[in-house]
C-alpha atoms as a PDB file:
ATOM      1  CA  MET A   1      86.012 107.410  32.203  1.00  0.00           C
ATOM      2  CA  LYS A   2      83.070 107.028  29.920  1.00  0.00           C
ATOM      3  CA  ARG A   3      82.592 103.456  31.010  1.00  0.00           C
ATOM      4  CA  LEU A   4      82.580 104.489  34.589  1.00  0.00           C
ATOM      5  CA  ILE A   5      79.807 107.208  33.961  1.00  0.00           C
ATOM      6  CA  LEU A   6      77.629 104.683  31.879  1.00  0.00           C
ATOM      7  CA  PHE A   7      77.937 102.251  34.681  1.00  0.00           C
ATOM      8  CA  LEU A   8      76.997 104.627  37.306  1.00  0.00           C
ATOM      9  CA  MET A   9      73.957 105.883  35.204  1.00  0.00           C
ATOM     10  CA  LEU A  10      72.895 102.273  34.888  1.00  0.00           C
ATOM     11  CA  VAL A  11      73.145 101.744  38.527  1.00  0.00           C
ATOM     12  CA  ALA A  12      71.183 104.807  39.108  1.00  0.00           C
ATOM     13  CA  PHE A  13      68.180 103.402  36.988  1.00  0.00           C
ATOM     14  CA  VAL A  14      68.354  99.892  38.250  1.00  0.00           C
ATOM     15  CA  LEU A  15      68.663 100.409  42.041  1.00  0.00           C
ATOM     16  CA  PRO A  16      65.418 102.518  42.206  1.00  0.00           C
ATOM     17  CA  SER A  17      63.606  99.586  40.300  1.00  0.00           C
ATOM     18  CA  TRP A  18      64.863  97.153  42.760  1.00  0.00           C
ATOM     19  CA  SER A  19      63.627  99.201  45.688  1.00  0.00           C
ATOM     20  CA  GLN A  20      60.301  99.665  43.957  1.00  0.00           C
ATOM     21  CA  GLN A  21      60.236  95.864  43.540  1.00  0.00           C
ATOM     22  CA  ALA A  22      60.818  95.267  47.270  1.00  0.00           C
ATOM     23  CA  ASP A  23      58.021  97.857  48.147  1.00  0.00           C
ATOM     24  CA  THR A  24      55.428  96.578  45.777  1.00  0.00           C
ATOM     25  CA  MET A  25      56.318  92.673  46.407  1.00  0.00           C
ATOM     26  CA  GLN A  26      53.157  90.581  46.722  1.00  0.00           C
ATOM     27  CA  TYR A  27      54.144  88.767  49.768  1.00  0.00           C
ATOM     28  CA  ALA A  28      50.767  86.778  49.929  1.00  0.00           C
ATOM     29  CA  ASN A  29      51.897  84.936  46.794  1.00  0.00           C
ATOM     30  CA  TYR A  30      54.742  83.230  48.949  1.00  0.00           C
ATOM     31  CA  GLY A  31      53.677  80.080  50.657  1.00  0.00           C
ATOM     32  CA  GLY A  32      50.086  78.539  50.651  1.00  0.00           C
ATOM     33  CA  LYS A  33      47.277  77.259  52.799  1.00  0.00           C
ATOM     34  CA  MET A  34      49.058  73.885  53.557  1.00  0.00           C
ATOM     35  CA  ALA A  35      52.595  72.702  53.468  1.00  0.00           C
ATOM     36  CA  TYR A  36      54.437  69.461  54.236  1.00  0.00           C
ATOM     37  CA  GLY A  37      58.271  68.978  54.522  1.00  0.00           C
ATOM     38  CA  VAL A  38      61.137  67.305  56.373  1.00  0.00           C
ATOM     39  CA  ALA A  39      62.875  68.681  59.464  1.00  0.00           C
ATOM     40  CA  ILE A  40      66.044  68.283  61.542  1.00  0.00           C
ATOM     41  CA  GLY A  41      65.454  69.273  65.164  1.00  0.00           C
ATOM     42  CA  GLY A  42      62.124  70.780  66.534  1.00  0.00           C
ATOM     43  CA  GLY A  43      61.453  68.122  69.200  1.00  0.00           C
ATOM     44  CA  GLY A  44      63.579  65.196  67.774  1.00  0.00           C
ATOM     45  CA  LEU A  45      66.370  64.147  65.456  1.00  0.00           C
ATOM     46  CA  VAL A  46      64.265  64.020  62.268  1.00  0.00           C
ATOM     47  CA  GLY A  47      60.566  64.595  61.647  1.00  0.00           C
ATOM     48  CA  VAL A  48      57.798  65.422  59.433  1.00  0.00           C
ATOM     49  CA  PRO A  49      56.116  68.910  59.899  1.00  0.00           C
ATOM     50  CA  LEU A  50      52.703  69.827  58.460  1.00  0.00           C
ATOM     51  CA  ARG A  51      51.884  73.598  58.250  1.00  0.00           C
ATOM     52  CA  VAL A  52      48.323  75.199  57.859  1.00  0.00           C
ATOM     53  CA  ALA A  53      48.025  78.904  57.117  1.00  0.00           C
ATOM     54  CA  PHE A  54      44.921  80.813  58.423  1.00  0.00           C
ATOM     55  CA  ASN A  55      45.960  84.098  56.939  1.00  0.00           C
ATOM     56  CA  GLU A  56      49.047  85.809  55.771  1.00  0.00           C
ATOM     57  CA  GLN A  57      50.122  86.401  59.392  1.00  0.00           C
ATOM     58  CA  LEU A  58      48.943  83.304  61.424  1.00  0.00           C
ATOM     59  CA  GLY A  59      49.381  79.561  61.034  1.00  0.00           C
ATOM     60  CA  ALA A  60      49.610  76.251  62.808  1.00  0.00           C
ATOM     61  CA  GLU A  61      52.260  73.653  62.577  1.00  0.00           C
ATOM     62  CA  PHE A  62      51.896  70.106  63.653  1.00  0.00           C
ATOM     63  CA  GLY A  63      54.641  67.467  63.479  1.00  0.00           C
ATOM     64  CA  ALA A  64      55.825  63.980  64.472  1.00  0.00           C
ATOM     65  CA  TYR A  65      59.617  63.473  65.202  1.00  0.00           C
ATOM     66  CA  LEU A  66      61.823  60.675  66.000  1.00  0.00           C
ATOM     67  CA  ARG A  67      63.118  61.271  69.414  1.00  0.00           C
ATOM     68  CA  PRO A  68      65.795  59.339  71.351  1.00  0.00           C
ATOM     69  CA  ALA A  69      65.923  59.326  75.085  1.00  0.00           C
ATOM     70  CA  VAL A  70      69.120  58.280  77.002  1.00  0.00           C
ATOM     71  CA  VAL A  71      68.219  56.891  80.492  1.00  0.00           C
ATOM     72  CA  ALA A  72      71.420  56.489  82.572  1.00  0.00           C
ATOM     73  CA  MET A  73      70.136  54.121  85.419  1.00  0.00           C
ATOM     74  CA  PRO A  74      72.289  51.834  86.096  1.00  0.00           C
ATOM     75  CA  ASP A  75      73.889  51.968  82.805  1.00  0.00           C
ATOM     76  CA  ALA A  76      73.130  54.144  79.734  1.00  0.00           C
ATOM     77  CA  THR A  77      70.190  52.854  77.580  1.00  0.00           C
ATOM     78  CA  VAL A  78      68.884  54.568  74.601  1.00  0.00           C
ATOM     79  CA  MET A  79      65.211  54.569  73.792  1.00  0.00           C
ATOM     80  CA  LEU A  80      63.405  55.635  70.669  1.00  0.00           C
ATOM     81  CA  GLY A  81      60.164  57.148  70.700  1.00  0.00           C
ATOM     82  CA  LEU A  82      58.025  59.778  68.787  1.00  0.00           C
ATOM     83  CA  MET A  83      57.593  63.299  69.760  1.00  0.00           C
ATOM     84  CA  PHE A  84      54.154  64.824  68.538  1.00  0.00           C
ATOM     85  CA  THR A  85      54.236  68.723  68.451  1.00  0.00           C
ATOM     86  CA  GLY A  86      51.810  71.491  67.729  1.00  0.00           C
ATOM     87  CA  GLY A  87      51.769  75.111  67.948  1.00  0.00           C
ATOM     88  CA  THR A  88      51.489  78.475  65.915  1.00  0.00           C
ATOM     89  CA  ASN A  89      53.659  80.569  63.855  1.00  0.00           C
ATOM     90  CA  MET A  90      52.965  84.380  63.824  1.00  0.00           C
ATOM     91  CA  ASN A  91      54.427  86.389  60.916  1.00  0.00           C
ATOM     92  CA  ILE A  92      55.631  89.723  61.937  1.00  0.00           C
ATOM     93  CA  LYS A  93      57.644  91.177  59.209  1.00  0.00           C
ATOM     94  CA  ASN A  94      58.158  90.324  55.476  1.00  0.00           C
ATOM     95  CA  SER A  95      61.325  91.633  53.663  1.00  0.00           C
ATOM     96  CA  PHE A  96      63.018  91.216  50.221  1.00  0.00           C
ATOM     97  CA  ASN A  97      66.751  90.813  49.894  1.00  0.00           C
ATOM     98  CA  ALA A  98      67.420  91.946  46.277  1.00  0.00           C
ATOM     99  CA  ALA A  99      71.091  90.803  46.332  1.00  0.00           C
ATOM    100  CA  LYS A 100      70.178  87.287  47.161  1.00  0.00           C
ATOM    101  CA  GLY A 101      66.945  87.272  45.215  1.00  0.00           C
ATOM    102  CA  LYS A 102      65.104  85.971  48.396  1.00  0.00           C
ATOM    103  CA  VAL A 103      61.893  86.860  50.144  1.00  0.00           C
ATOM    104  CA  ARG A 104      62.084  86.519  54.054  1.00  0.00           C
ATOM    105  CA  ARG A 105      59.326  86.199  56.543  1.00  0.00           C
ATOM    106  CA  ASP A 106      60.172  86.756  60.151  1.00  0.00           C
ATOM    107  CA  GLY A 107      58.119  85.857  63.328  1.00  0.00           C
ATOM    108  CA  ILE A 108      57.621  84.155  66.397  1.00  0.00           C
ATOM    109  CA  PHE A 109      56.558  80.541  67.185  1.00  0.00           C
ATOM    110  CA  ILE A 110      55.177  78.876  70.234  1.00  0.00           C
ATOM    111  CA  ARG A 111      55.461  75.028  70.236  1.00  0.00           C
ATOM    112  CA  GLY A 112      54.276  72.271  72.610  1.00  0.00           C
ATOM    113  CA  GLY A 113      54.786  68.504  72.430  1.00  0.00           C
ATOM    114  CA  ALA A 114      54.536  65.093  74.052  1.00  0.00           C
ATOM    115  CA  ALA A 115      56.536  62.026  73.426  1.00  0.00           C
ATOM    116  CA  LEU A 116      55.320  58.447  73.241  1.00  0.00           C
ATOM    117  CA  SER A 117      57.950  56.042  74.341  1.00  0.00           C
ATOM    118  CA  LYS A 118      59.025  54.397  77.773  1.00  0.00           C
ATOM    119  CA  THR A 119      59.753  57.941  78.980  1.00  0.00           C
ATOM    120  CA  ASN A 120      56.946  60.411  79.565  1.00  0.00           C
ATOM    121  CA  ASP A 121      58.376  63.729  78.023  1.00  0.00           C
ATOM    122  CA  ALA A 122      56.616  66.890  77.284  1.00  0.00           C
ATOM    123  CA  MET A 123      58.059  70.188  76.046  1.00  0.00           C
ATOM    124  CA  ILE A 124      57.239  73.894  75.410  1.00  0.00           C
ATOM    125  CA  SER A 125      59.157  76.466  73.571  1.00  0.00           C
ATOM    126  CA  VAL A 126      58.952  79.938  72.278  1.00  0.00           C
ATOM    127  CA  GLY A 127      61.284  81.687  69.869  1.00  0.00           C
ATOM    128  CA  TRP A 128      62.093  83.329  66.426  1.00  0.00           C
ATOM    129  CA  VAL A 129      61.102  81.802  63.136  1.00  0.00           C
ATOM    130  CA  ARG A 130      62.325  82.747  59.448  1.00  0.00           C
ATOM    131  CA  ASP A 131      60.974  81.490  56.300  1.00  0.00           C
ATOM    132  CA  HIS A 132      63.180  81.821  53.246  1.00  0.00           C
ATOM    133  CA  PHE A 133      61.631  81.908  49.705  1.00  0.00           C
ATOM    134  CA  LYS A 134      63.561  82.119  46.404  1.00  0.00           C
ATOM    135  CA  LEU A 135      62.125  84.857  44.328  1.00  0.00           C
ATOM    136  CA  ASN A 136      60.992  82.737  41.533  1.00  0.00           C
ATOM    137  CA  ASP A 137      59.876  79.570  43.761  1.00  0.00           C
ATOM    138  CA  HIS A 138      56.925  80.791  45.596  1.00  0.00           C
ATOM    139  CA  LYS A 139      55.879  77.263  46.859  1.00  0.00           C
ATOM    140  CA  LYS A 140      59.167  75.934  48.568  1.00  0.00           C
ATOM    141  CA  SER A 141      60.820  77.495  51.547  1.00  0.00           C
ATOM    142  CA  PHE A 142      63.530  76.716  54.000  1.00  0.00           C
ATOM    143  CA  THR A 143      62.741  77.602  57.588  1.00  0.00           C
ATOM    144  CA  ILE A 144      64.957  78.218  60.568  1.00  0.00           C
ATOM    145  CA  GLU A 145      63.539  78.193  64.120  1.00  0.00           C
ATOM    146  CA  LEU A 146      65.603  79.229  67.272  1.00  0.00           C
ATOM    147  CA  GLY A 147      64.329  79.735  70.727  1.00  0.00           C
ATOM    148  CA  GLY A 148      64.197  78.376  74.304  1.00  0.00           C
ATOM    149  CA  GLY A 149      61.779  76.331  76.460  1.00  0.00           C
ATOM    150  CA  ALA A 150      61.428  73.622  78.919  1.00  0.00           C
ATOM    151  CA  MET A 151      61.392  69.832  78.888  1.00  0.00           C
ATOM    152  CA  TYR A 152      59.389  67.703  81.448  1.00  0.00           C
ATOM    153  CA  SER A 153      60.457  64.166  81.867  1.00  0.00           C
ATOM    154  CA  HIS A 154      59.066  61.519  84.081  1.00  0.00           C
ATOM    155  CA  TYR A 155      60.133  57.937  84.068  1.00  0.00           C
ATOM    156  CA  THR A 156      60.524  54.882  86.254  1.00  0.00           C
ATOM    157  CA  TYR A 157      63.365  52.417  85.588  1.00  0.00           C
ATOM    158  CA  SER A 158      62.966  48.911  87.267  1.00  0.00           C
ATOM    159  CA  ASP A 159      65.556  46.051  87.263  1.00  0.00           C
ATOM    160  CA  SER A 160      65.654  42.892  89.208  1.00  0.00           C
ATOM    161  CA  GLY A 161      67.750  39.675  89.500  1.00  0.00           C
ATOM    162  CA  PRO A 162      67.845  36.606  91.565  1.00  0.00           C
ATOM    163  CA  GLY A 163      67.433  37.893  95.140  1.00  0.00           C
ATOM    164  CA  TRP A 164      67.412  41.794  94.334  1.00  0.00           C
ATOM    165  CA  SER A 165      65.273  44.467  92.723  1.00  0.00           C
ATOM    166  CA  GLU A 166      65.799  48.097  92.155  1.00  0.00           C
ATOM    167  CA  THR A 167      63.151  50.823  91.105  1.00  0.00           C
ATOM    168  CA  VAL A 168      64.458  54.423  90.313  1.00  0.00           C
ATOM    169  CA  THR A 169      61.928  57.136  89.527  1.00  0.00           C
ATOM    170  CA  TYR A 170      63.052  60.402  87.628  1.00  0.00           C
ATOM    171  CA  GLN A 171      60.781  63.584  87.383  1.00  0.00           C
ATOM    172  CA  GLY A 172      61.643  67.151  86.456  1.00  0.00           C
ATOM    173  CA  PHE A 173      62.073  69.972  84.270  1.00  0.00           C
ATOM    174  CA  THR A 174      65.095  70.896  82.293  1.00  0.00           C
ATOM    175  CA  PRO A 175      65.658  73.923  80.124  1.00  0.00           C
ATOM    176  CA  MET A 176      66.189  73.402  76.580  1.00  0.00           C
ATOM    177  CA  LEU A 177      67.487  75.049  73.420  1.00  0.00           C
ATOM    178  CA  HIS A 178      65.008  74.734  70.625  1.00  0.00           C
ATOM    179  CA  TRP A 179      66.270  74.684  67.021  1.00  0.00           C
ATOM    180  CA  LYS A 180      64.808  73.443  63.834  1.00  0.00           C
ATOM    181  CA  PHE A 181      65.744  73.496  60.165  1.00  0.00           C
ATOM    182  CA  SER A 182      62.873  72.488  57.814  1.00  0.00           C
ATOM    183  CA  TRP A 183      62.422  72.397  53.988  1.00  0.00           C
ATOM    184  CA  MET A 184      58.723  72.873  53.186  1.00  0.00           C
ATOM    185  CA  THR A 185      56.693  72.453  50.076  1.00  0.00           C
ATOM    186  CA  PHE A 186      53.234  74.547  49.871  1.00  0.00           C
ATOM    187  CA  LYS A 187      50.038  73.422  48.143  1.00  0.00           C
END
């Protein structure tokens, strides 16, 4: 019984200090003015994002992503290209998870991009972004982006042989699910 009382007293003194730490957290110390990293998704299979922070709430992000395109006329052909993206991140809320020892930044993103390949693709997307920082590692983050948007594609496929030729043109918008996981290092 004495141990239980001592444990409860310890918890009574420690929990308020954890909540004070969350309230007085210096969120500006997390991140930096510039960051670079590696990403999966976000306009392609894998890419290299570069982020620039204007202030604690607003930043811009640019990236180059390896993007395959499958053209299914007359038989499936995979073409590789580069998708160049750009956009903004707007931080809305900072929070501290004492149990995991992580600082979170939640916000929204707006992205646009264009691909350089045999297919002319362009994208625009909007969604939610969350940066995770470890409490004692202010300069590295894991970022998740999830949202929706649209992809515009335009390409012409031409094929010919002895005595025949075929040209097919495709043009249109397709809804897309935007997702990205990135690991960033800040300077």
